């Protein structure tokens, strides 16, 4: 994990994890739906930087977030920061006490239809880079 006292600036080549908490965001063929990348109703979307984190740490963070939100962690999609940047969005480090690797994707348009178009672009890029919970029963029921 990133040292909370020395959070580095975000690099466009960094990988970012977007956690999937809704089974309906995963298709039967195990690809992710654009809704997994929708910030609506907000104008920022929470992600976790991979920087200095092990795969186990990334999954642990997802499980902690799921627990706090009283949701089930179904999966994680990883995407490079530059995917968001190319869509004129910004990615900013936003460390929190429980996750120094936390970041936000900001500058989403206010209207849901335009957000959906951008989310479709992201989902198309990450088509093959989503991992799912170690419990296959969670995903099998999609």
C-alpha atoms as a PDB file:
ATOM      1  CA  UNK A   1       0.000   0.000   0.000  1.00  0.00           C
ATOM      2  CA  UNK A   2       1.009   3.606  -0.472  1.00  0.00           C
ATOM      3  CA  UNK A   3       2.612   5.249   2.555  1.00  0.00           C
ATOM      4  CA  UNK A   4      -0.170   7.578   3.804  1.00  0.00           C
ATOM      5  CA  UNK A   5       2.456  10.189   4.684  1.00  0.00           C
ATOM      6  CA  UNK A   6       3.892  10.183   1.145  1.00  0.00           C
ATOM      7  CA  UNK A   7       1.042   9.845  -1.344  1.00  0.00           C
ATOM      8  CA  UNK A   8       2.550  10.280  -4.804  1.00  0.00           C
ATOM      9  CA  UNK A   9       0.888  12.067  -7.682  1.00  0.00           C
ATOM     10  CA  UNK A  10      -1.136   9.835  -9.930  1.00  0.00           C
ATOM     11  CA  UNK A  11       0.466   8.619 -13.151  1.00  0.00           C
ATOM     12  CA  UNK A  12      -1.569   8.074 -16.313  1.00  0.00           C
ATOM     13  CA  UNK A  13      -0.234   4.508 -16.620  1.00  0.00           C
ATOM     14  CA  UNK A  14      -1.361   3.472 -13.148  1.00  0.00           C
ATOM     15  CA  UNK A  15      -3.949   0.754 -12.899  1.00  0.00           C
ATOM     16  CA  UNK A  16      -7.072   1.543 -10.935  1.00  0.00           C
ATOM     17  CA  UNK A  17      -9.508  -0.928  -9.428  1.00  0.00           C
ATOM     18  CA  UNK A  18     -13.249  -0.338  -9.657  1.00  0.00           C
ATOM     19  CA  UNK A  19     -15.117  -2.694  -7.358  1.00  0.00           C
ATOM     20  CA  UNK A  20     -18.353  -4.327  -8.506  1.00  0.00           C
ATOM     21  CA  UNK A  21     -21.001  -4.574  -5.775  1.00  0.00           C
ATOM     22  CA  UNK A  22     -24.035  -5.463  -7.862  1.00  0.00           C
ATOM     23  CA  UNK A  23     -24.540  -8.811  -9.564  1.00  0.00           C
ATOM     24  CA  UNK A  24     -26.612  -7.064 -12.224  1.00  0.00           C
ATOM     25  CA  UNK A  25     -23.428  -5.278 -13.378  1.00  0.00           C
ATOM     26  CA  UNK A  26     -21.960  -8.589 -14.604  1.00  0.00           C
ATOM     27  CA  UNK A  27     -23.312 -10.292 -17.707  1.00  0.00           C
ATOM     28  CA  UNK A  28     -23.790 -14.054 -17.975  1.00  0.00           C
ATOM     29  CA  UNK A  29     -20.643 -14.219 -20.144  1.00  0.00           C
ATOM     30  CA  UNK A  30     -18.717 -12.599 -17.248  1.00  0.00           C
ATOM     31  CA  UNK A  31     -18.165  -9.252 -18.983  1.00  0.00           C
ATOM     32  CA  UNK A  32     -18.897  -6.088 -17.090  1.00  0.00           C
ATOM     33  CA  UNK A  33     -21.773  -3.788 -17.940  1.00  0.00           C
ATOM     34  CA  UNK A  34     -21.235  -0.030 -18.287  1.00  0.00           C
ATOM     35  CA  UNK A  35     -23.353   0.586 -15.181  1.00  0.00           C
ATOM     36  CA  UNK A  36     -20.394  -0.581 -13.085  1.00  0.00           C
ATOM     37  CA  UNK A  37     -18.668   2.647 -14.127  1.00  0.00           C
ATOM     38  CA  UNK A  38     -21.534   5.049 -13.584  1.00  0.00           C
ATOM     39  CA  UNK A  39     -20.953   7.760 -10.982  1.00  0.00           C
ATOM     40  CA  UNK A  40     -24.639   8.746 -11.010  1.00  0.00           C
ATOM     41  CA  UNK A  41     -26.025  10.433  -9.011  1.00  0.00           C
ATOM     42  CA  UNK A  42     -22.598  11.796  -8.053  1.00  0.00           C
ATOM     43  CA  UNK A  43     -20.019  13.590 -10.186  1.00  0.00           C
ATOM     44  CA  UNK A  44     -17.120  11.500  -8.933  1.00  0.00           C
ATOM     45  CA  UNK A  45     -16.450   7.784  -8.917  1.00  0.00           C
ATOM     46  CA  UNK A  46     -14.393   5.952  -6.324  1.00  0.00           C
ATOM     47  CA  UNK A  47     -11.460   3.746  -7.395  1.00  0.00           C
ATOM     48  CA  UNK A  48      -8.407   2.207  -5.724  1.00  0.00           C
ATOM     49  CA  UNK A  49      -4.906   2.634  -7.074  1.00  0.00           C
ATOM     50  CA  UNK A  50      -2.828  -0.502  -7.568  1.00  0.00           C
ATOM     51  CA  UNK A  51       0.344   1.396  -6.684  1.00  0.00           C
ATOM     52  CA  UNK A  52       2.416  -0.461  -4.049  1.00  0.00           C
ATOM     53  CA  UNK A  53      -0.487  -2.833  -3.322  1.00  0.00           C
ATOM     54  CA  UNK A  54      -0.545  -6.592  -3.682  1.00  0.00           C
ATOM     55  CA  UNK A  55      -3.451  -8.349  -5.331  1.00  0.00           C
ATOM     56  CA  UNK A  56      -4.506  -9.666  -1.911  1.00  0.00           C
ATOM     57  CA  UNK A  57      -4.495  -6.122  -0.499  1.00  0.00           C
ATOM     58  CA  UNK A  58      -6.674  -4.891  -3.368  1.00  0.00           C
ATOM     59  CA  UNK A  59      -9.216  -7.648  -2.742  1.00  0.00           C
ATOM     60  CA  UNK A  60      -9.130  -6.970   1.013  1.00  0.00           C
ATOM     61  CA  UNK A  61      -9.944  -3.305   0.395  1.00  0.00           C
ATOM     62  CA  UNK A  62     -12.868  -4.345  -1.790  1.00  0.00           C
ATOM     63  CA  UNK A  63     -14.147  -6.667   0.932  1.00  0.00           C
ATOM     64  CA  UNK A  64     -13.854  -3.884   3.517  1.00  0.00           C
ATOM     65  CA  UNK A  65     -15.771  -1.446   1.317  1.00  0.00           C
ATOM     66  CA  UNK A  66     -18.437  -4.092   0.693  1.00  0.00           C
ATOM     67  CA  UNK A  67     -18.772  -4.679   4.416  1.00  0.00           C
ATOM     68  CA  UNK A  68     -19.077  -0.961   5.176  1.00  0.00           C
ATOM     69  CA  UNK A  69     -21.713  -0.549   2.461  1.00  0.00           C
ATOM     70  CA  UNK A  70     -23.459  -3.787   3.494  1.00  0.00           C
ATOM     71  CA  UNK A  71     -23.021  -5.108  -0.045  1.00  0.00           C
ATOM     72  CA  UNK A  72     -21.436  -8.184  -1.603  1.00  0.00           C
ATOM     73  CA  UNK A  73     -18.171  -7.846  -3.502  1.00  0.00           C
ATOM     74  CA  UNK A  74     -18.781  -9.555  -6.846  1.00  0.00           C
ATOM     75  CA  UNK A  75     -15.670  -8.466  -8.670  1.00  0.00           C
ATOM     76  CA  UNK A  76     -13.063  -5.918  -9.570  1.00  0.00           C
ATOM     77  CA  UNK A  77     -12.306  -4.261 -12.897  1.00  0.00           C
ATOM     78  CA  UNK A  78      -8.876  -2.813 -13.477  1.00  0.00           C
ATOM     79  CA  UNK A  79      -8.272   0.030 -15.906  1.00  0.00           C
ATOM     80  CA  UNK A  80      -5.409   2.402 -16.551  1.00  0.00           C
ATOM     81  CA  UNK A  81      -5.887   5.988 -15.455  1.00  0.00           C
ATOM     82  CA  UNK A  82      -5.304   7.183 -19.011  1.00  0.00           C
ATOM     83  CA  UNK A  83      -8.569   5.521 -20.080  1.00  0.00           C
ATOM     84  CA  UNK A  84     -10.435   8.067 -17.965  1.00  0.00           C
ATOM     85  CA  UNK A  85      -8.110  10.913 -18.940  1.00  0.00           C
ATOM     86  CA  UNK A  86      -8.767  10.303 -22.646  1.00  0.00           C
ATOM     87  CA  UNK A  87     -12.460  10.854 -21.910  1.00  0.00           C
ATOM     88  CA  UNK A  88     -11.665  14.291 -20.423  1.00  0.00           C
ATOM     89  CA  UNK A  89     -12.164  13.036 -16.888  1.00  0.00           C
ATOM     90  CA  UNK A  90      -9.647  13.583 -14.104  1.00  0.00           C
ATOM     91  CA  UNK A  91      -8.231  11.071 -11.648  1.00  0.00           C
ATOM     92  CA  UNK A  92      -7.120  12.487  -8.317  1.00  0.00           C
ATOM     93  CA  UNK A  93      -5.561  10.821  -5.321  1.00  0.00           C
ATOM     94  CA  UNK A  94      -8.016  10.952  -2.419  1.00  0.00           C
ATOM     95  CA  UNK A  95      -6.492   8.873   0.382  1.00  0.00           C
ATOM     96  CA  UNK A  96      -8.715   7.951   3.299  1.00  0.00           C
ATOM     97  CA  UNK A  97      -7.597   6.449   6.633  1.00  0.00           C
ATOM     98  CA  UNK A  98      -8.650   2.916   5.699  1.00  0.00           C
ATOM     99  CA  UNK A  99      -7.307   3.143   2.141  1.00  0.00           C
ATOM    100  CA  UNK A 100      -4.322   5.358   1.303  1.00  0.00           C
ATOM    101  CA  UNK A 101      -4.657   4.117  -2.311  1.00  0.00           C
ATOM    102  CA  UNK A 102      -8.137   5.603  -2.708  1.00  0.00           C
ATOM    103  CA  UNK A 103      -8.693   7.957  -5.655  1.00  0.00           C
ATOM    104  CA  UNK A 104     -11.629   9.595  -7.387  1.00  0.00           C
ATOM    105  CA  UNK A 105     -12.461   9.876 -11.059  1.00  0.00           C
ATOM    106  CA  UNK A 106     -13.903  13.384 -11.305  1.00  0.00           C
ATOM    107  CA  UNK A 107     -15.332  15.887 -13.766  1.00  0.00           C
ATOM    108  CA  UNK A 108     -18.145  13.631 -14.922  1.00  0.00           C
ATOM    109  CA  UNK A 109     -20.877  15.507 -16.771  1.00  0.00           C
ATOM    110  CA  UNK A 110     -23.975  16.265 -14.716  1.00  0.00           C
ATOM    111  CA  UNK A 111     -26.469  14.493 -16.957  1.00  0.00           C
ATOM    112  CA  UNK A 112     -26.946  10.742 -16.725  1.00  0.00           C
ATOM    113  CA  UNK A 113     -27.137  10.058 -20.508  1.00  0.00           C
ATOM    114  CA  UNK A 114     -23.705  11.600 -21.079  1.00  0.00           C
ATOM    115  CA  UNK A 115     -22.304   9.740 -18.066  1.00  0.00           C
ATOM    116  CA  UNK A 116     -23.646   6.527 -19.602  1.00  0.00           C
ATOM    117  CA  UNK A 117     -21.818   7.178 -22.887  1.00  0.00           C
ATOM    118  CA  UNK A 118     -18.528   7.607 -21.007  1.00  0.00           C
ATOM    119  CA  UNK A 119     -19.209   4.514 -18.878  1.00  0.00           C
ATOM    120  CA  UNK A 120     -19.777   2.519 -22.087  1.00  0.00           C
ATOM    121  CA  UNK A 121     -16.365   3.653 -23.349  1.00  0.00           C
ATOM    122  CA  UNK A 122     -14.679   2.510 -20.141  1.00  0.00           C
ATOM    123  CA  UNK A 123     -16.505  -0.833 -20.108  1.00  0.00           C
ATOM    124  CA  UNK A 124     -15.416  -1.480 -23.695  1.00  0.00           C
ATOM    125  CA  UNK A 125     -11.767  -0.921 -22.735  1.00  0.00           C
ATOM    126  CA  UNK A 126     -11.853  -3.190 -19.669  1.00  0.00           C
ATOM    127  CA  UNK A 127     -13.795  -6.011 -21.293  1.00  0.00           C
ATOM    128  CA  UNK A 128     -11.163  -8.628 -20.445  1.00  0.00           C
ATOM    129  CA  UNK A 129      -9.611  -7.153 -17.319  1.00  0.00           C
ATOM    130  CA  UNK A 130     -12.219  -7.860 -14.682  1.00  0.00           C
ATOM    131  CA  UNK A 131     -11.690 -10.415 -11.969  1.00  0.00           C
ATOM    132  CA  UNK A 132     -14.441 -11.913  -9.935  1.00  0.00           C
ATOM    133  CA  UNK A 133     -14.832 -12.960  -6.348  1.00  0.00           C
ATOM    134  CA  UNK A 134     -13.139 -16.167  -5.295  1.00  0.00           C
ATOM    135  CA  UNK A 135     -16.603 -17.490  -4.504  1.00  0.00           C
ATOM    136  CA  UNK A 136     -17.866 -18.666  -7.924  1.00  0.00           C
ATOM    137  CA  UNK A 137     -21.414 -18.987  -6.576  1.00  0.00           C
ATOM    138  CA  UNK A 138     -21.641 -15.214  -6.359  1.00  0.00           C
ATOM    139  CA  UNK A 139     -20.992 -14.769 -10.062  1.00  0.00           C
ATOM    140  CA  UNK A 140     -22.707 -17.912 -11.347  1.00  0.00           C
ATOM    141  CA  UNK A 141     -26.105 -16.472 -10.396  1.00  0.00           C
ATOM    142  CA  UNK A 142     -25.756 -13.431 -12.680  1.00  0.00           C
END
